[in-house]
N, C-alpha and C. Protein backbone atom coordinates (compact mmCIF):
# COMPACT_ATOMS: atom_id res chain seq x y z
N UNK A 1 0.80 -0.92 -0.11
CA UNK A 1 -0.16 -0.17 -0.26
C UNK A 1 1.00 1.26 0.24
N UNK A 2 0.37 2.33 -0.46
CA UNK A 2 1.01 3.35 -0.35
C UNK A 2 0.45 4.83 -0.03
N UNK A 3 0.93 5.70 0.45
CA UNK A 3 0.22 6.89 0.99
C UNK A 3 0.36 7.66 -0.56
N UNK A 4 -1.03 8.29 -0.62
CA UNK A 4 -1.34 9.03 -1.78
C UNK A 4 -1.22 10.52 -1.58
N UNK A 5 -1.60 10.76 -0.33
CA UNK A 5 -1.66 12.36 0.38
C UNK A 5 -1.96 12.31 1.60
N UNK A 6 -1.20 13.22 2.33
CA UNK A 6 -1.39 13.49 3.92
C UNK A 6 -1.46 14.81 3.93
N UNK A 7 -2.48 15.44 4.74
CA UNK A 7 -2.51 16.89 4.68
C UNK A 7 -3.44 17.35 6.03
N UNK A 8 -2.89 18.33 6.45
CA UNK A 8 -3.78 18.87 7.90
C UNK A 8 -4.98 19.55 7.18
N UNK A 9 -6.43 19.21 7.77
CA UNK A 9 -7.54 19.63 7.24
C UNK A 9 -8.55 20.05 8.56
N UNK A 10 -9.47 20.87 7.95
CA UNK A 10 -10.31 21.30 8.96
C UNK A 10 -11.67 19.96 8.95
N UNK A 11 -11.81 19.62 7.47
CA UNK A 11 -12.90 18.63 7.29
C UNK A 11 -12.72 17.89 6.16
N UNK A 12 -13.29 16.82 6.13
CA UNK A 12 -13.23 15.73 5.08
C UNK A 12 -14.48 15.22 4.84
N UNK A 13 -14.99 15.32 3.51
CA UNK A 13 -16.37 14.80 3.14
C UNK A 13 -16.29 13.83 2.00
N UNK A 14 -16.83 12.75 1.92
CA UNK A 14 -17.15 11.87 0.79
C UNK A 14 -18.54 12.01 0.20
N UNK A 15 -18.27 12.00 -1.35
CA UNK A 15 -19.53 12.07 -2.07
C UNK A 15 -19.67 11.24 -3.05
N UNK A 16 -20.42 10.43 -3.57
CA UNK A 16 -20.82 9.30 -4.51
C UNK A 16 -21.03 10.37 -5.93
N UNK A 17 -20.45 10.03 -7.15
CA UNK A 17 -20.94 10.58 -8.24
C UNK A 17 -20.88 9.64 -9.44
N UNK A 18 -21.35 9.72 -10.18
CA UNK A 18 -21.76 8.84 -11.48
C UNK A 18 -20.34 7.93 -11.50
N UNK A 19 -20.78 6.80 -12.06
CA UNK A 19 -19.75 5.88 -12.45
C UNK A 19 -19.77 4.48 -11.84
N UNK A 20 -19.87 4.04 -10.71
CA UNK A 20 -20.01 5.03 -9.52
C UNK A 20 -18.44 5.36 -9.25
N UNK A 21 -18.44 6.52 -8.69
CA UNK A 21 -16.90 6.93 -8.37
C UNK A 21 -17.25 7.65 -6.85
N UNK A 22 -16.34 7.87 -6.37
CA UNK A 22 -16.13 8.60 -5.06
C UNK A 22 -15.31 9.99 -5.26
N UNK A 23 -16.06 11.18 -4.76
CA UNK A 23 -15.04 12.26 -4.62
C UNK A 23 -14.79 12.66 -3.32
N UNK A 24 -13.61 12.98 -2.83
CA UNK A 24 -13.16 13.46 -1.62
C UNK A 24 -13.14 14.94 -1.69
N UNK A 25 -13.85 15.59 -0.60
CA UNK A 25 -13.92 17.11 -0.69
C UNK A 25 -13.11 17.47 0.89
N UNK A 26 -12.07 18.00 0.57
CA UNK A 26 -11.32 18.57 1.78
C UNK A 26 -11.34 20.02 2.02
N UNK A 27 -11.52 20.49 3.12
CA UNK A 27 -11.90 21.77 3.43
C UNK A 27 -10.87 22.33 4.03
N UNK A 28 -10.39 23.51 4.16
CA UNK A 28 -9.28 24.06 5.29
C UNK A 28 -8.03 23.66 5.25
N UNK A 29 -7.41 22.85 3.94
CA UNK A 29 -5.99 22.47 3.97
C UNK A 29 -5.29 23.55 4.53
N UNK A 30 -4.27 22.99 5.48
CA UNK A 30 -3.43 24.22 6.14
C UNK A 30 -2.31 23.61 6.72
N UNK A 31 -1.18 24.17 6.68
CA UNK A 31 0.13 24.13 6.87
C UNK A 31 0.55 25.01 8.19
N UNK A 32 -0.30 25.81 8.68
CA UNK A 32 -0.01 26.54 9.74
C UNK A 32 -1.26 27.12 10.26
N UNK A 33 -1.20 27.66 11.63
CA UNK A 33 -2.52 28.23 12.19
C UNK A 33 -2.23 29.09 13.12
N UNK A 34 -3.03 30.24 13.45
CA UNK A 34 -2.39 31.34 14.63
C UNK A 34 -2.87 30.52 15.96
N UNK A 35 -2.23 30.19 16.74
CA UNK A 35 -2.55 30.02 18.11
C UNK A 35 -3.87 30.63 18.76
N UNK A 36 -4.86 30.40 19.35
CA UNK A 36 -5.79 30.72 20.25
C UNK A 36 -5.41 31.41 21.27
N UNK A 37 -4.44 31.20 21.74
CA UNK A 37 -3.89 31.88 23.09
C UNK A 37 -2.46 31.62 23.14
N UNK A 38 -1.93 32.46 24.03
CA UNK A 38 -0.38 32.27 24.44
C UNK A 38 -0.05 30.99 24.81
N UNK A 39 1.31 30.54 24.39
CA UNK A 39 1.82 29.20 24.79
C UNK A 39 1.93 29.30 26.48
N UNK A 40 1.93 28.47 27.05
CA UNK A 40 1.86 26.84 26.58
C UNK A 40 0.31 26.60 26.55
N UNK A 41 0.39 25.60 25.30
CA UNK A 41 -1.19 25.17 25.22
C UNK A 41 -1.12 23.64 24.19
N UNK A 42 -2.14 22.99 24.43
CA UNK A 42 -2.12 21.79 23.69
C UNK A 42 -2.92 22.37 22.31
N UNK A 43 -2.52 21.66 21.62
CA UNK A 43 -3.23 21.93 19.95
C UNK A 43 -3.18 20.43 19.31
N UNK A 44 -4.43 20.39 18.48
CA UNK A 44 -4.59 19.32 18.00
C UNK A 44 -5.10 19.30 16.66
N UNK A 45 -4.29 19.44 15.67
CA UNK A 45 -4.90 19.65 14.06
C UNK A 45 -5.27 18.32 13.60
N UNK A 46 -5.99 18.08 12.48
CA UNK A 46 -6.52 16.55 12.14
C UNK A 46 -5.59 16.43 10.81
N UNK A 47 -5.09 15.68 10.96
CA UNK A 47 -4.20 14.92 9.82
C UNK A 47 -4.94 14.01 8.86
N UNK A 48 -5.33 14.09 7.45
CA UNK A 48 -6.09 13.18 6.74
C UNK A 48 -4.73 12.25 5.90
N UNK A 49 -4.98 11.16 5.76
CA UNK A 49 -3.75 10.30 5.08
C UNK A 49 -4.73 9.47 4.32
N UNK A 50 -4.54 9.66 3.14
CA UNK A 50 -5.14 8.85 1.91
C UNK A 50 -4.39 7.83 1.08
N UNK A 51 -4.56 6.56 1.25
CA UNK A 51 -3.87 5.59 0.98
C UNK A 51 -4.57 4.65 -0.24
N UNK A 52 -3.66 3.93 -0.81
CA UNK A 52 -4.00 3.24 -2.34
C UNK A 52 -3.69 1.95 -1.81
N UNK A 53 -4.28 0.97 -2.37
CA UNK A 53 -3.78 -0.60 -2.34
C UNK A 53 -3.70 -1.01 -3.75
N UNK A 54 -2.48 -1.59 -4.13
CA UNK A 54 -2.48 -2.14 -5.52
C UNK A 54 -3.47 -3.23 -5.61
N UNK A 55 -3.81 -3.68 -6.61
CA UNK A 55 -4.65 -5.06 -6.90
C UNK A 55 -4.11 -6.06 -6.59
N UNK A 56 -2.70 -6.30 -6.58
CA UNK A 56 -2.14 -7.37 -6.20
C UNK A 56 -1.59 -7.61 -4.87
N UNK A 57 -2.09 -6.46 -3.85
CA UNK A 57 -1.56 -6.20 -2.56
C UNK A 57 -2.64 -6.89 -1.70
N UNK A 58 -2.24 -7.29 -0.37
CA UNK A 58 -3.29 -7.84 0.66
C UNK A 58 -4.46 -6.80 1.10
N UNK A 59 -3.82 -5.62 1.04
CA UNK A 59 -4.52 -4.54 1.91
C UNK A 59 -4.66 -4.49 3.42
N UNK A 60 -3.76 -5.15 3.72
CA UNK A 60 -3.74 -5.16 5.24
C UNK A 60 -2.55 -4.64 5.81
N UNK A 61 -2.38 -3.75 6.65
CA UNK A 61 -1.34 -2.98 7.20
C UNK A 61 -1.28 -2.13 8.56
N UNK A 62 -0.58 -1.47 8.92
CA UNK A 62 -0.65 -0.58 9.84
C UNK A 62 0.04 0.66 9.41
N UNK A 63 -0.77 1.93 9.80
CA UNK A 63 -0.36 3.25 9.50
C UNK A 63 0.06 3.74 10.42
N UNK A 64 1.39 4.34 10.79
CA UNK A 64 2.02 4.84 11.89
C UNK A 64 2.36 6.35 11.47
N UNK A 65 1.82 7.34 12.59
CA UNK A 65 2.22 8.65 12.44
C UNK A 65 3.19 9.05 13.64
N UNK A 66 4.21 9.58 13.38
CA UNK A 66 4.94 9.96 14.44
C UNK A 66 5.05 11.71 14.34
N UNK A 67 5.08 12.55 15.37
CA UNK A 67 5.14 13.81 15.30
C UNK A 67 6.38 14.27 15.82
N UNK A 68 7.13 15.10 15.38
CA UNK A 68 8.57 15.44 15.71
C UNK A 68 8.93 17.07 15.77
N UNK A 69 9.40 17.46 16.68
CA UNK A 69 9.88 18.78 17.05
C UNK A 69 11.45 18.61 17.04
N UNK A 70 12.24 19.28 16.10
CA UNK A 70 13.47 19.12 16.03
C UNK A 70 13.88 17.70 15.69
N UNK A 71 14.71 17.18 16.72
CA UNK A 71 15.05 15.62 16.68
C UNK A 71 14.51 14.94 17.79
N UNK A 72 13.04 15.61 18.46
CA UNK A 72 12.59 14.98 19.56
C UNK A 72 11.14 14.52 19.07
N UNK A 73 10.68 13.46 19.19
CA UNK A 73 9.39 12.90 18.94
C UNK A 73 8.70 12.99 20.12
N UNK A 74 7.34 13.55 19.73
CA UNK A 74 6.65 14.36 20.66
C UNK A 74 5.23 13.44 20.77
N UNK A 75 4.76 12.95 19.64
CA UNK A 75 3.54 12.02 19.83
C UNK A 75 3.64 10.52 18.63
N UNK A 76 2.78 10.09 18.88
CA UNK A 76 3.10 8.60 18.10
C UNK A 76 1.36 8.22 17.87
N UNK A 77 1.06 7.83 16.83
CA UNK A 77 -0.29 7.04 16.59
C UNK A 77 0.03 6.10 15.56
N UNK A 78 -0.49 4.92 16.24
CA UNK A 78 -0.43 3.56 15.04
C UNK A 78 -1.95 2.98 15.10
N UNK A 79 -2.32 2.79 13.88
CA UNK A 79 -3.70 2.33 13.63
C UNK A 79 -3.75 1.23 12.42
N UNK A 80 -4.57 0.08 12.62
CA UNK A 80 -4.39 -1.04 11.74
C UNK A 80 -5.20 -0.18 10.52
N UNK A 81 -4.77 -0.91 9.32
CA UNK A 81 -5.42 -0.11 7.99
C UNK A 81 -5.53 -1.39 7.24
N UNK A 82 -7.07 -1.05 6.65
CA UNK A 82 -7.30 -2.22 5.84
C UNK A 82 -8.13 -1.49 4.43
N UNK A 83 -7.49 -1.90 3.34
CA UNK A 83 -7.95 -1.24 2.19
C UNK A 83 -8.27 -2.40 1.05
N UNK A 84 -9.34 -2.27 0.58
CA UNK A 84 -9.75 -3.22 -0.36
C UNK A 84 -8.84 -3.32 -1.59
N UNK A 85 -8.18 -4.50 -2.22
CA UNK A 85 -7.08 -4.18 -3.36
C UNK A 85 -7.82 -3.54 -4.62
N UNK A 86 -6.73 -2.61 -4.93
CA UNK A 86 -7.25 -2.00 -6.04
C UNK A 86 -8.23 -0.60 -5.79
N UNK A 87 -8.30 -0.29 -4.29
CA UNK A 87 -9.02 0.55 -4.01
C UNK A 87 -8.45 1.74 -3.23
N UNK A 88 -9.01 2.95 -2.57
CA UNK A 88 -8.40 3.85 -2.01
C UNK A 88 -9.12 3.78 -0.61
N UNK A 89 -8.39 4.30 0.44
CA UNK A 89 -9.28 4.71 1.84
C UNK A 89 -8.55 5.69 2.41
N UNK A 90 -9.03 6.22 3.54
CA UNK A 90 -8.15 7.34 4.18
C UNK A 90 -8.60 6.93 5.84
N UNK A 91 -7.35 7.55 6.29
CA UNK A 91 -7.57 7.63 7.95
C UNK A 91 -7.33 8.94 8.37
N UNK A 92 -8.20 9.25 9.37
CA UNK A 92 -8.04 10.52 10.16
C UNK A 92 -7.03 10.24 11.56
N UNK A 93 -5.73 11.17 11.73
CA UNK A 93 -5.15 10.99 12.74
C UNK A 93 -4.97 12.29 13.54
N UNK A 94 -5.48 12.33 14.94
CA UNK A 94 -5.42 13.24 15.63
C UNK A 94 -4.59 13.06 16.74
N UNK A 95 -3.69 14.10 16.83
CA UNK A 95 -2.90 13.71 18.25
C UNK A 95 -2.70 15.23 18.94
N UNK A 96 -2.85 15.24 20.26
CA UNK A 96 -2.69 16.33 20.95
C UNK A 96 -1.46 16.65 21.34
N UNK A 97 -1.09 17.89 20.57
CA UNK A 97 0.39 18.28 20.83
C UNK A 97 0.63 19.39 21.50
N UNK A 98 1.61 19.29 22.64
CA UNK A 98 2.07 20.07 23.57
C UNK A 98 3.08 21.08 22.88
N UNK A 99 2.81 22.36 22.96
CA UNK A 99 3.41 23.73 22.60
C UNK A 99 3.98 24.39 23.78
N UNK A 100 4.93 24.24 23.80
CA UNK A 100 5.70 25.44 25.02
C UNK A 100 6.23 26.70 24.21
N UNK A 101 6.23 26.55 22.87
CA UNK A 101 6.56 27.78 21.99
C UNK A 101 5.98 27.64 21.00
N UNK A 102 6.10 28.82 19.83
CA UNK A 102 5.55 28.99 18.77
C UNK A 102 6.66 28.21 17.78
N UNK A 103 6.08 27.30 16.70
CA UNK A 103 7.12 26.90 15.65
C UNK A 103 6.53 25.63 14.95
N UNK A 104 7.23 24.87 14.40
CA UNK A 104 6.90 23.92 13.37
C UNK A 104 7.23 22.34 14.11
N UNK A 105 6.28 21.78 13.75
CA UNK A 105 6.51 20.20 13.95
C UNK A 105 6.39 19.57 12.95
N UNK A 106 6.62 18.16 12.65
CA UNK A 106 6.62 17.36 11.24
C UNK A 106 5.81 16.10 11.78
N UNK A 107 4.53 15.85 10.96
CA UNK A 107 4.14 14.72 10.85
C UNK A 107 4.87 13.79 10.07
N UNK A 108 5.11 12.51 10.53
CA UNK A 108 5.87 11.60 9.61
C UNK A 108 5.02 10.43 9.52
N UNK A 109 4.37 10.31 8.06
CA UNK A 109 3.61 8.88 8.20
C UNK A 109 4.06 7.88 7.50
N UNK A 110 4.07 6.74 7.71
CA UNK A 110 4.14 5.74 6.85
C UNK A 110 3.19 4.45 6.94
N UNK A 111 3.21 3.44 6.17
CA UNK A 111 2.58 2.21 6.37
C UNK A 111 3.53 1.10 6.33
N UNK A 112 3.42 0.37 7.64
CA UNK A 112 4.25 -0.68 7.63
C UNK A 112 5.66 -0.14 7.69
N UNK A 113 6.55 -0.50 7.27
CA UNK A 113 8.25 -0.17 7.33
C UNK A 113 8.36 0.81 5.69
N UNK A 114 7.33 1.20 5.21
CA UNK A 114 7.26 1.84 3.90
C UNK A 114 7.93 2.91 4.02
N UNK A 115 8.12 3.84 2.72
CA UNK A 115 8.42 5.18 2.72
C UNK A 115 7.63 6.05 3.77
N UNK A 116 8.51 7.03 4.33
CA UNK A 116 7.94 8.10 5.02
C UNK A 116 7.43 9.59 4.22
N UNK A 117 6.23 9.88 4.52
CA UNK A 117 5.60 11.08 4.08
C UNK A 117 5.71 12.09 5.19
N UNK A 118 6.18 13.29 4.78
CA UNK A 118 6.64 14.23 5.73
C UNK A 118 5.52 15.51 5.70
N UNK A 119 4.85 15.77 6.65
CA UNK A 119 3.95 16.96 6.64
C UNK A 119 4.15 17.71 7.73
N UNK A 120 4.84 19.00 7.30
CA UNK A 120 5.06 20.29 8.42
C UNK A 120 3.73 20.82 8.64
N UNK A 121 3.94 21.16 10.10
CA UNK A 121 2.67 22.13 10.75
C UNK A 121 3.03 23.10 11.49
N UNK A 122 3.00 24.61 11.25
CA UNK A 122 3.52 25.59 12.14
C UNK A 122 2.54 26.31 12.95
N UNK A 123 2.67 26.30 14.37
CA UNK A 123 1.88 27.07 15.01
C UNK A 123 2.50 28.54 15.25
N UNK A 124 1.56 29.51 14.68
CA UNK A 124 1.95 30.84 14.65
C UNK A 124 1.52 31.52 16.26
N UNK A 125 2.25 32.53 16.40
CA UNK A 125 1.85 33.66 17.80
C UNK A 125 0.24 34.06 17.47
N UNK A 126 -0.49 34.00 18.48
CA UNK A 126 -2.06 34.94 18.16
C UNK A 126 -1.96 35.89 17.53
N UNK A 127 -3.06 36.16 16.74
CA UNK A 127 -3.25 37.14 16.24
C UNK A 127 -3.91 38.25 17.02
N UNK A 128 -3.06 39.45 17.24
CA UNK A 128 -3.81 40.58 18.09
C UNK A 128 -5.22 41.01 17.78
N UNK A 129 -6.30 40.95 18.51
CA UNK A 129 -7.57 41.49 18.01
C UNK A 129 -7.57 42.98 18.19
N UNK A 130 -8.73 43.48 17.37
CA UNK A 130 -8.83 45.08 17.30
C UNK A 130 -9.10 45.57 18.63
N UNK A 131 -9.47 44.99 19.49
CA UNK A 131 -9.72 45.63 20.91
C UNK A 131 -8.22 45.89 21.65
N UNK A 132 -7.51 44.99 21.38
CA UNK A 132 -5.94 45.11 21.84
C UNK A 132 -5.34 46.39 21.10
N UNK A 133 -5.55 46.34 19.79
CA UNK A 133 -4.69 47.40 19.07
C UNK A 133 -5.34 48.85 19.43
N UNK A 134 -6.69 48.97 19.92
CA UNK A 134 -7.13 50.14 19.96
C UNK A 134 -6.65 51.03 21.10
């Protein structure tokens, strides 16, 4: 099996179209966000991992996503993965990440011992509100 895409998103929706075929609608794809408050805080972005299974593969595996800040692993999620041969599927991965400072983490996703797909995510300082600027 292969990872086709891995993205941080606000929402994912599936819909059927003629064929029959499936469309995946991703809303709010993002690689950064302004923090809702000052650090330290816990942030939990949603990672969508889309996978495909070749027709000649078993369709059974494990999806592992590790989260890294510099050289330190800060979170890990492992979940079973089953994809019908010749088809696509997706998994949602949500980790609660502790931020003591603003900056970038990397989500590193792989299936079994396969290739790693890296997706960066940056937590930015909060945006000053209009009331604070007045």
